[in-house]
Each structure stands twice: as structure tokens, then as C-alpha cells.
Amino acid sequence: MGPQFILLSLFLIVSCGQKSSSVKMGVTTRAELVAIKGEPLKEEKIPIKEGQVMFYENDEKYQLKGDVVVSSFKAPLGDEQLLIFWKHKFKDCLTISKSLDKIPGSHTPHEMELACPESGQSVIYTQGSDLISRLVEYEVR
């Protein structure tokens, strides 16, 4: 047994003992989310049956239906802030682009959504801009 084998064995033992830290939409429970992310800064009920949103630092939010996480909303980081990044990432996906409803009387710029339903991801950006304001992840059905 060489030193490479020992290092590989040690790596496998350590990595197998760690918990997965990814939140899976439609699978992860509230308790699992709290175990992964910690206690939320606040929670709010929303007007859908058994709906609530858990708020975390850095404008990160998780929507629950009952006890299950169904979607997340996050601010983009680094290259994720660029629409071209997402167009490239979604290049093999049949994407859907749609205009989001504008709040009547609002003077904010109009928002658009670019979605890749097969990956359960979409991005929100301001029409006429190539900058992403929010990342959305949801359960793939």
C-alpha cells in the first residue's frame, strides 16, 4: 500500500461521513433546511395553502408548502449576475422567456424571467438590461 492509497482511503472515509449540504426542491424538509442553513432570520406565512417563506442572510429565501421546501430565491454572485452566463448555461435547454406582471402605478423597470424548466431554474432580470436580480430554483416535475 502506497501513500496515494492511504490518502485516497482517508479522503473517502472523511467525505462519506459528511452530510450533504444541498437543498433539494420538493424533497428537503423544514427540519433538514434548518440543519443545513441554521435557524432563519424570520418566517412569514404567504397566501397559498400551507405556504410560508423562511428568510436568511444575503437576501436568501426558501418557500415551503407544508413541511417541504418547494423553491428558493437568491441574489446572484459573480458571473451569475450576467444574463449571458445563464443563456450559455441554458443553451441545451428549451427555455421559456416571459414578462412578469408589473405592479400597477409602479415606476420600477419591467422585469423578465428566463426559465429552464428541465433544470428547475430561472433568473429574473430587468428588461433592457443584461443584469440578473434574482435566481430562482424550484421543484422539477
N, C-alpha and C. Protein backbone atom coordinates (compact mmCIF):
# COMPACT_ATOMS: atom_id res chain seq x y z
N MET A 1 0.84 -1.18 0.00
CA MET A 1 0.00 0.00 0.00
C MET A 1 0.88 1.24 0.00
N GLY A 2 0.69 2.04 -1.03
CA GLY A 2 1.45 3.27 -1.14
C GLY A 2 0.75 4.42 -0.45
N PRO A 3 1.43 5.56 -0.36
CA PRO A 3 0.85 6.73 0.29
C PRO A 3 -0.39 7.26 -0.45
N GLN A 4 -0.45 7.05 -1.78
CA GLN A 4 -1.63 7.52 -2.52
C GLN A 4 -2.88 6.75 -2.08
N PHE A 5 -2.73 5.43 -1.88
CA PHE A 5 -3.85 4.61 -1.46
C PHE A 5 -4.36 5.04 -0.07
N ILE A 6 -3.43 5.30 0.82
CA ILE A 6 -3.80 5.73 2.17
C ILE A 6 -4.52 7.08 2.12
N LEU A 7 -4.00 8.01 1.34
CA LEU A 7 -4.66 9.32 1.21
C LEU A 7 -6.04 9.20 0.60
N LEU A 8 -6.18 8.38 -0.44
CA LEU A 8 -7.47 8.16 -1.08
C LEU A 8 -8.46 7.54 -0.10
N SER A 9 -8.01 6.55 0.65
CA SER A 9 -8.87 5.90 1.64
C SER A 9 -9.32 6.88 2.71
N LEU A 10 -8.40 7.70 3.18
CA LEU A 10 -8.73 8.70 4.19
C LEU A 10 -9.73 9.71 3.64
N PHE A 11 -9.53 10.16 2.39
CA PHE A 11 -10.45 11.10 1.76
C PHE A 11 -11.85 10.50 1.66
N LEU A 12 -11.95 9.23 1.25
CA LEU A 12 -13.26 8.60 1.12
C LEU A 12 -13.95 8.45 2.47
N ILE A 13 -13.21 8.11 3.48
CA ILE A 13 -13.79 7.97 4.82
C ILE A 13 -14.31 9.31 5.32
N VAL A 14 -13.52 10.37 5.16
CA VAL A 14 -13.93 11.69 5.62
C VAL A 14 -15.12 12.21 4.82
N SER A 15 -15.08 12.07 3.49
CA SER A 15 -16.15 12.62 2.66
C SER A 15 -17.44 11.85 2.83
N CYS A 16 -17.40 10.56 3.09
CA CYS A 16 -18.62 9.79 3.28
C CYS A 16 -19.29 10.11 4.61
N GLY A 17 -18.54 10.58 5.56
CA GLY A 17 -19.10 10.91 6.85
C GLY A 17 -19.74 12.29 6.91
N GLN A 18 -19.54 13.11 5.89
CA GLN A 18 -20.10 14.46 5.89
C GLN A 18 -21.53 14.45 5.38
N LYS A 19 -22.37 15.35 5.93
CA LYS A 19 -23.73 15.49 5.46
C LYS A 19 -23.74 16.29 4.17
N SER A 20 -24.68 15.97 3.31
CA SER A 20 -24.86 16.75 2.10
C SER A 20 -25.45 18.10 2.49
N SER A 21 -24.95 19.17 1.89
CA SER A 21 -25.44 20.49 2.27
C SER A 21 -26.32 21.09 1.19
N SER A 22 -26.77 20.28 0.24
CA SER A 22 -27.61 20.85 -0.80
C SER A 22 -29.08 20.71 -0.45
N VAL A 23 -29.82 21.74 -0.79
CA VAL A 23 -31.25 21.76 -0.56
C VAL A 23 -31.91 21.30 -1.86
N LYS A 24 -32.71 20.25 -1.79
CA LYS A 24 -33.38 19.71 -2.98
C LYS A 24 -34.85 20.11 -2.93
N MET A 25 -35.27 20.85 -3.96
CA MET A 25 -36.64 21.34 -4.01
C MET A 25 -37.62 20.16 -4.14
N GLY A 26 -38.67 20.20 -3.33
CA GLY A 26 -39.67 19.14 -3.35
C GLY A 26 -39.30 17.94 -2.52
N VAL A 27 -38.09 17.95 -1.91
CA VAL A 27 -37.62 16.81 -1.13
C VAL A 27 -37.21 17.24 0.28
N THR A 28 -36.43 18.30 0.36
CA THR A 28 -35.89 18.76 1.65
C THR A 28 -37.02 19.25 2.56
N THR A 29 -36.99 18.79 3.81
CA THR A 29 -38.00 19.21 4.79
C THR A 29 -37.53 20.46 5.52
N ARG A 30 -38.45 21.06 6.26
CA ARG A 30 -38.12 22.25 7.05
C ARG A 30 -37.00 21.93 8.03
N ALA A 31 -37.09 20.80 8.71
CA ALA A 31 -36.08 20.41 9.70
C ALA A 31 -34.71 20.23 9.03
N GLU A 32 -34.69 19.63 7.84
CA GLU A 32 -33.43 19.44 7.11
C GLU A 32 -32.86 20.79 6.67
N LEU A 33 -33.73 21.71 6.24
CA LEU A 33 -33.28 23.04 5.85
C LEU A 33 -32.64 23.76 7.04
N VAL A 34 -33.26 23.68 8.20
CA VAL A 34 -32.70 24.30 9.40
C VAL A 34 -31.37 23.64 9.77
N ALA A 35 -31.26 22.33 9.59
CA ALA A 35 -30.00 21.64 9.87
C ALA A 35 -28.89 22.10 8.92
N ILE A 36 -29.25 22.39 7.67
CA ILE A 36 -28.27 22.82 6.67
C ILE A 36 -27.93 24.30 6.80
N LYS A 37 -28.97 25.15 6.90
CA LYS A 37 -28.79 26.61 6.86
C LYS A 37 -28.82 27.28 8.23
N GLY A 38 -29.31 26.59 9.24
CA GLY A 38 -29.48 27.21 10.55
C GLY A 38 -30.88 27.80 10.66
N GLU A 39 -31.15 28.37 11.82
CA GLU A 39 -32.46 28.99 12.04
C GLU A 39 -32.60 30.21 11.13
N PRO A 40 -33.79 30.43 10.56
CA PRO A 40 -33.98 31.59 9.69
C PRO A 40 -34.01 32.89 10.49
N LEU A 41 -33.74 34.00 9.80
CA LEU A 41 -33.84 35.32 10.43
C LEU A 41 -35.29 35.64 10.77
N LYS A 42 -36.20 35.21 9.88
CA LYS A 42 -37.63 35.37 10.13
C LYS A 42 -38.40 34.41 9.23
N GLU A 43 -39.68 34.25 9.55
CA GLU A 43 -40.58 33.42 8.76
C GLU A 43 -41.87 34.19 8.54
N GLU A 44 -42.46 34.02 7.35
CA GLU A 44 -43.74 34.68 7.06
C GLU A 44 -44.67 33.69 6.37
N LYS A 45 -45.93 33.75 6.75
CA LYS A 45 -46.94 32.97 6.05
C LYS A 45 -47.25 33.70 4.75
N ILE A 46 -47.56 32.93 3.69
CA ILE A 46 -47.92 33.51 2.40
C ILE A 46 -49.28 32.97 2.00
N PRO A 47 -49.98 33.68 1.10
CA PRO A 47 -51.36 33.30 0.78
C PRO A 47 -51.50 32.13 -0.19
N ILE A 48 -50.81 31.04 0.11
CA ILE A 48 -51.07 29.77 -0.57
C ILE A 48 -51.29 28.75 0.53
N LYS A 49 -52.02 27.70 0.23
CA LYS A 49 -52.34 26.70 1.24
C LYS A 49 -51.07 26.16 1.87
N GLU A 50 -50.97 26.27 3.19
CA GLU A 50 -49.82 25.80 3.98
C GLU A 50 -48.50 26.42 3.53
N GLY A 51 -48.54 27.65 3.01
CA GLY A 51 -47.34 28.28 2.50
C GLY A 51 -46.65 29.19 3.50
N GLN A 52 -45.34 29.18 3.45
CA GLN A 52 -44.54 30.10 4.26
C GLN A 52 -43.20 30.32 3.59
N VAL A 53 -42.54 31.42 3.95
CA VAL A 53 -41.21 31.73 3.44
C VAL A 53 -40.28 31.89 4.62
N MET A 54 -39.10 31.27 4.51
CA MET A 54 -38.07 31.40 5.53
C MET A 54 -36.97 32.30 4.96
N PHE A 55 -36.62 33.34 5.71
CA PHE A 55 -35.64 34.33 5.27
C PHE A 55 -34.29 34.09 5.94
N TYR A 56 -33.23 34.17 5.12
CA TYR A 56 -31.86 34.00 5.61
C TYR A 56 -31.02 35.20 5.20
N GLU A 57 -29.78 35.23 5.66
CA GLU A 57 -28.86 36.32 5.32
C GLU A 57 -28.64 36.39 3.82
N ASN A 58 -28.14 37.52 3.36
CA ASN A 58 -27.81 37.76 1.96
C ASN A 58 -29.01 37.61 1.04
N ASP A 59 -30.20 38.01 1.53
CA ASP A 59 -31.43 38.01 0.74
C ASP A 59 -31.77 36.62 0.17
N GLU A 60 -31.47 35.58 0.93
CA GLU A 60 -31.78 34.22 0.53
C GLU A 60 -33.09 33.81 1.19
N LYS A 61 -34.01 33.26 0.37
CA LYS A 61 -35.34 32.89 0.87
C LYS A 61 -35.69 31.50 0.39
N TYR A 62 -36.43 30.77 1.23
CA TYR A 62 -36.90 29.44 0.88
C TYR A 62 -38.41 29.39 1.10
N GLN A 63 -39.14 28.97 0.07
CA GLN A 63 -40.59 28.85 0.17
C GLN A 63 -40.93 27.41 0.50
N LEU A 64 -41.82 27.24 1.47
CA LEU A 64 -42.26 25.92 1.87
C LEU A 64 -43.75 25.78 1.62
N LYS A 65 -44.15 24.58 1.28
CA LYS A 65 -45.56 24.23 1.22
C LYS A 65 -45.72 23.07 2.18
N GLY A 66 -46.39 23.34 3.27
CA GLY A 66 -46.43 22.35 4.34
C GLY A 66 -45.06 22.28 4.98
N ASP A 67 -44.49 21.11 5.01
CA ASP A 67 -43.18 20.90 5.64
C ASP A 67 -42.06 20.73 4.62
N VAL A 68 -42.34 20.97 3.33
CA VAL A 68 -41.37 20.69 2.27
C VAL A 68 -40.95 21.97 1.54
N VAL A 69 -39.65 22.12 1.30
CA VAL A 69 -39.12 23.26 0.56
C VAL A 69 -39.47 23.06 -0.91
N VAL A 70 -40.15 24.06 -1.52
CA VAL A 70 -40.56 23.93 -2.92
C VAL A 70 -39.81 24.89 -3.85
N SER A 71 -39.24 25.97 -3.30
CA SER A 71 -38.47 26.88 -4.15
C SER A 71 -37.53 27.73 -3.29
N SER A 72 -36.54 28.31 -3.98
CA SER A 72 -35.61 29.21 -3.29
C SER A 72 -35.37 30.43 -4.17
N PHE A 73 -35.02 31.52 -3.53
CA PHE A 73 -34.75 32.79 -4.20
C PHE A 73 -33.45 33.33 -3.62
N LYS A 74 -32.50 33.64 -4.50
CA LYS A 74 -31.19 34.11 -4.03
C LYS A 74 -30.70 35.24 -4.92
N ALA A 75 -29.81 36.05 -4.36
CA ALA A 75 -29.13 37.07 -5.14
C ALA A 75 -27.99 36.39 -5.91
N PRO A 76 -27.77 36.80 -7.16
CA PRO A 76 -26.68 36.20 -7.93
C PRO A 76 -25.32 36.67 -7.44
N LEU A 77 -24.31 35.82 -7.64
CA LEU A 77 -22.94 36.15 -7.26
C LEU A 77 -22.03 36.03 -8.48
N GLY A 78 -21.03 36.85 -8.59
CA GLY A 78 -20.04 36.76 -9.67
C GLY A 78 -20.66 36.76 -11.04
N ASP A 79 -20.27 35.78 -11.86
CA ASP A 79 -20.77 35.68 -13.23
C ASP A 79 -22.27 35.39 -13.29
N GLU A 80 -22.85 34.89 -12.20
CA GLU A 80 -24.30 34.62 -12.17
C GLU A 80 -25.10 35.90 -12.37
N GLN A 81 -24.48 37.05 -12.21
CA GLN A 81 -25.17 38.33 -12.36
C GLN A 81 -25.38 38.72 -13.81
N LEU A 82 -24.79 37.98 -14.75
CA LEU A 82 -24.85 38.33 -16.16
C LEU A 82 -25.82 37.42 -16.91
N LEU A 83 -26.72 38.02 -17.68
CA LEU A 83 -27.68 37.26 -18.46
C LEU A 83 -26.99 36.32 -19.44
N ILE A 84 -25.89 36.73 -20.02
CA ILE A 84 -25.16 35.89 -20.99
C ILE A 84 -24.66 34.60 -20.33
N PHE A 85 -24.29 34.66 -19.04
CA PHE A 85 -23.88 33.47 -18.31
C PHE A 85 -25.01 32.44 -18.32
N TRP A 86 -26.24 32.90 -18.04
CA TRP A 86 -27.38 32.00 -17.96
C TRP A 86 -27.81 31.52 -19.34
N LYS A 87 -27.72 32.37 -20.34
CA LYS A 87 -28.05 31.92 -21.70
C LYS A 87 -27.10 30.81 -22.13
N HIS A 88 -25.83 30.94 -21.74
CA HIS A 88 -24.87 29.88 -22.05
C HIS A 88 -25.17 28.63 -21.22
N LYS A 89 -25.46 28.80 -19.95
CA LYS A 89 -25.75 27.66 -19.08
C LYS A 89 -27.01 26.92 -19.56
N PHE A 90 -27.99 27.65 -20.07
CA PHE A 90 -29.25 27.06 -20.52
C PHE A 90 -29.24 26.71 -22.02
N LYS A 91 -28.08 26.75 -22.66
CA LYS A 91 -28.02 26.60 -24.12
C LYS A 91 -28.62 25.29 -24.63
N ASP A 92 -28.57 24.22 -23.86
CA ASP A 92 -29.12 22.94 -24.29
C ASP A 92 -30.52 22.69 -23.72
N CYS A 93 -31.11 23.72 -23.17
CA CYS A 93 -32.43 23.62 -22.54
C CYS A 93 -33.45 24.38 -23.37
N LEU A 94 -34.66 23.86 -23.44
CA LEU A 94 -35.75 24.58 -24.09
C LEU A 94 -36.23 25.63 -23.08
N THR A 95 -35.76 26.87 -23.24
CA THR A 95 -36.06 27.92 -22.27
C THR A 95 -37.38 28.60 -22.57
N ILE A 96 -37.92 29.21 -21.53
CA ILE A 96 -39.14 30.00 -21.63
C ILE A 96 -38.80 31.39 -21.14
N SER A 97 -39.11 32.38 -21.95
CA SER A 97 -38.89 33.77 -21.56
C SER A 97 -40.24 34.44 -21.45
N LYS A 98 -40.48 35.10 -20.31
CA LYS A 98 -41.77 35.74 -20.14
C LYS A 98 -41.63 37.03 -19.35
N SER A 99 -42.57 37.89 -19.58
CA SER A 99 -42.65 39.17 -18.89
C SER A 99 -43.37 38.94 -17.57
N LEU A 100 -42.86 39.50 -16.49
CA LEU A 100 -43.51 39.39 -15.19
C LEU A 100 -44.49 40.54 -15.02
N ASP A 101 -45.55 40.27 -14.30
CA ASP A 101 -46.56 41.31 -14.08
C ASP A 101 -45.96 42.48 -13.34
N LYS A 102 -46.25 43.66 -13.82
CA LYS A 102 -45.78 44.89 -13.18
C LYS A 102 -46.85 45.35 -12.20
N ILE A 103 -46.41 45.85 -11.07
CA ILE A 103 -47.33 46.36 -10.07
C ILE A 103 -47.94 47.65 -10.62
N PRO A 104 -49.29 47.73 -10.67
CA PRO A 104 -49.93 48.94 -11.21
C PRO A 104 -49.47 50.20 -10.48
N GLY A 105 -49.13 51.23 -11.24
CA GLY A 105 -48.69 52.50 -10.67
C GLY A 105 -47.22 52.52 -10.28
N SER A 106 -46.54 51.40 -10.44
CA SER A 106 -45.13 51.33 -10.07
C SER A 106 -44.26 51.98 -11.15
N HIS A 107 -43.22 52.65 -10.74
CA HIS A 107 -42.30 53.28 -11.68
C HIS A 107 -40.99 52.49 -11.79
N THR A 108 -40.99 51.27 -11.27
CA THR A 108 -39.79 50.43 -11.36
C THR A 108 -39.70 49.84 -12.76
N PRO A 109 -38.49 49.56 -13.22
CA PRO A 109 -38.33 48.96 -14.55
C PRO A 109 -39.02 47.60 -14.63
N HIS A 110 -39.45 47.25 -15.82
CA HIS A 110 -40.16 45.99 -16.05
C HIS A 110 -39.21 44.80 -15.94
N GLU A 111 -39.69 43.73 -15.29
CA GLU A 111 -38.85 42.54 -15.10
C GLU A 111 -39.25 41.42 -16.05
N MET A 112 -38.24 40.62 -16.41
CA MET A 112 -38.41 39.47 -17.29
C MET A 112 -37.89 38.23 -16.56
N GLU A 113 -38.38 37.07 -16.97
CA GLU A 113 -37.90 35.81 -16.42
C GLU A 113 -37.43 34.92 -17.56
N LEU A 114 -36.27 34.33 -17.39
CA LEU A 114 -35.74 33.33 -18.32
C LEU A 114 -35.68 32.03 -17.53
N ALA A 115 -36.46 31.03 -17.96
CA ALA A 115 -36.57 29.78 -17.21
C ALA A 115 -36.12 28.58 -18.02
N CYS A 116 -35.52 27.64 -17.31
CA CYS A 116 -35.16 26.33 -17.87
C CYS A 116 -35.90 25.29 -17.02
N PRO A 117 -37.15 24.97 -17.39
CA PRO A 117 -37.96 24.07 -16.57
C PRO A 117 -37.33 22.70 -16.31
N GLU A 118 -36.57 22.17 -17.26
CA GLU A 118 -35.99 20.84 -17.05
C GLU A 118 -34.91 20.84 -15.98
N SER A 119 -34.31 22.00 -15.68
CA SER A 119 -33.31 22.07 -14.61
C SER A 119 -33.91 22.63 -13.32
N GLY A 120 -35.14 23.15 -13.39
CA GLY A 120 -35.77 23.73 -12.21
C GLY A 120 -35.13 25.05 -11.81
N GLN A 121 -34.67 25.82 -12.80
CA GLN A 121 -34.02 27.10 -12.51
C GLN A 121 -34.58 28.20 -13.41
N SER A 122 -34.62 29.39 -12.86
CA SER A 122 -34.93 30.56 -13.67
C SER A 122 -34.21 31.76 -13.09
N VAL A 123 -34.08 32.78 -13.92
CA VAL A 123 -33.42 34.01 -13.50
C VAL A 123 -34.35 35.18 -13.81
N ILE A 124 -34.31 36.18 -12.96
CA ILE A 124 -35.12 37.39 -13.13
C ILE A 124 -34.17 38.53 -13.45
N TYR A 125 -34.52 39.31 -14.47
CA TYR A 125 -33.69 40.43 -14.87
C TYR A 125 -34.57 41.59 -15.33
N THR A 126 -33.99 42.77 -15.37
CA THR A 126 -34.71 43.96 -15.80
C THR A 126 -34.68 44.04 -17.31
N GLN A 127 -35.86 44.27 -17.90
CA GLN A 127 -35.94 44.38 -19.35
C GLN A 127 -35.01 45.48 -19.84
N GLY A 128 -34.25 45.19 -20.89
CA GLY A 128 -33.31 46.16 -21.43
C GLY A 128 -31.95 46.14 -20.74
N SER A 129 -31.81 45.29 -19.74
CA SER A 129 -30.55 45.17 -19.00
C SER A 129 -30.08 43.73 -19.11
N ASP A 130 -28.82 43.52 -18.99
CA ASP A 130 -28.28 42.17 -19.00
C ASP A 130 -27.85 41.73 -17.61
N LEU A 131 -28.40 42.39 -16.57
CA LEU A 131 -28.03 42.07 -15.20
C LEU A 131 -29.15 41.33 -14.48
N ILE A 132 -28.78 40.23 -13.86
CA ILE A 132 -29.73 39.38 -13.14
C ILE A 132 -29.94 39.95 -11.74
N SER A 133 -31.21 39.99 -11.31
CA SER A 133 -31.51 40.48 -9.96
C SER A 133 -31.77 39.34 -8.98
N ARG A 134 -32.34 38.21 -9.47
CA ARG A 134 -32.66 37.09 -8.59
C ARG A 134 -32.49 35.76 -9.32
N LEU A 135 -32.07 34.76 -8.56
CA LEU A 135 -32.02 33.39 -9.05
C LEU A 135 -33.14 32.63 -8.37
N VAL A 136 -33.84 31.82 -9.13
CA VAL A 136 -34.95 31.04 -8.59
C VAL A 136 -34.68 29.57 -8.89
N GLU A 137 -34.88 28.74 -7.88
CA GLU A 137 -34.78 27.30 -8.07
C GLU A 137 -36.08 26.71 -7.58
N TYR A 138 -36.61 25.75 -8.32
CA TYR A 138 -37.90 25.16 -7.96
C TYR A 138 -37.88 23.67 -8.29
N GLU A 139 -38.92 23.00 -7.80
CA GLU A 139 -39.01 21.57 -7.98
C GLU A 139 -39.26 21.23 -9.45
N VAL A 140 -38.51 20.28 -9.98
CA VAL A 140 -38.71 19.82 -11.35
C VAL A 140 -39.80 18.77 -11.31
N ARG A 141 -40.80 18.95 -12.16
CA ARG A 141 -41.93 17.99 -12.16
C ARG A 141 -41.93 17.16 -13.40
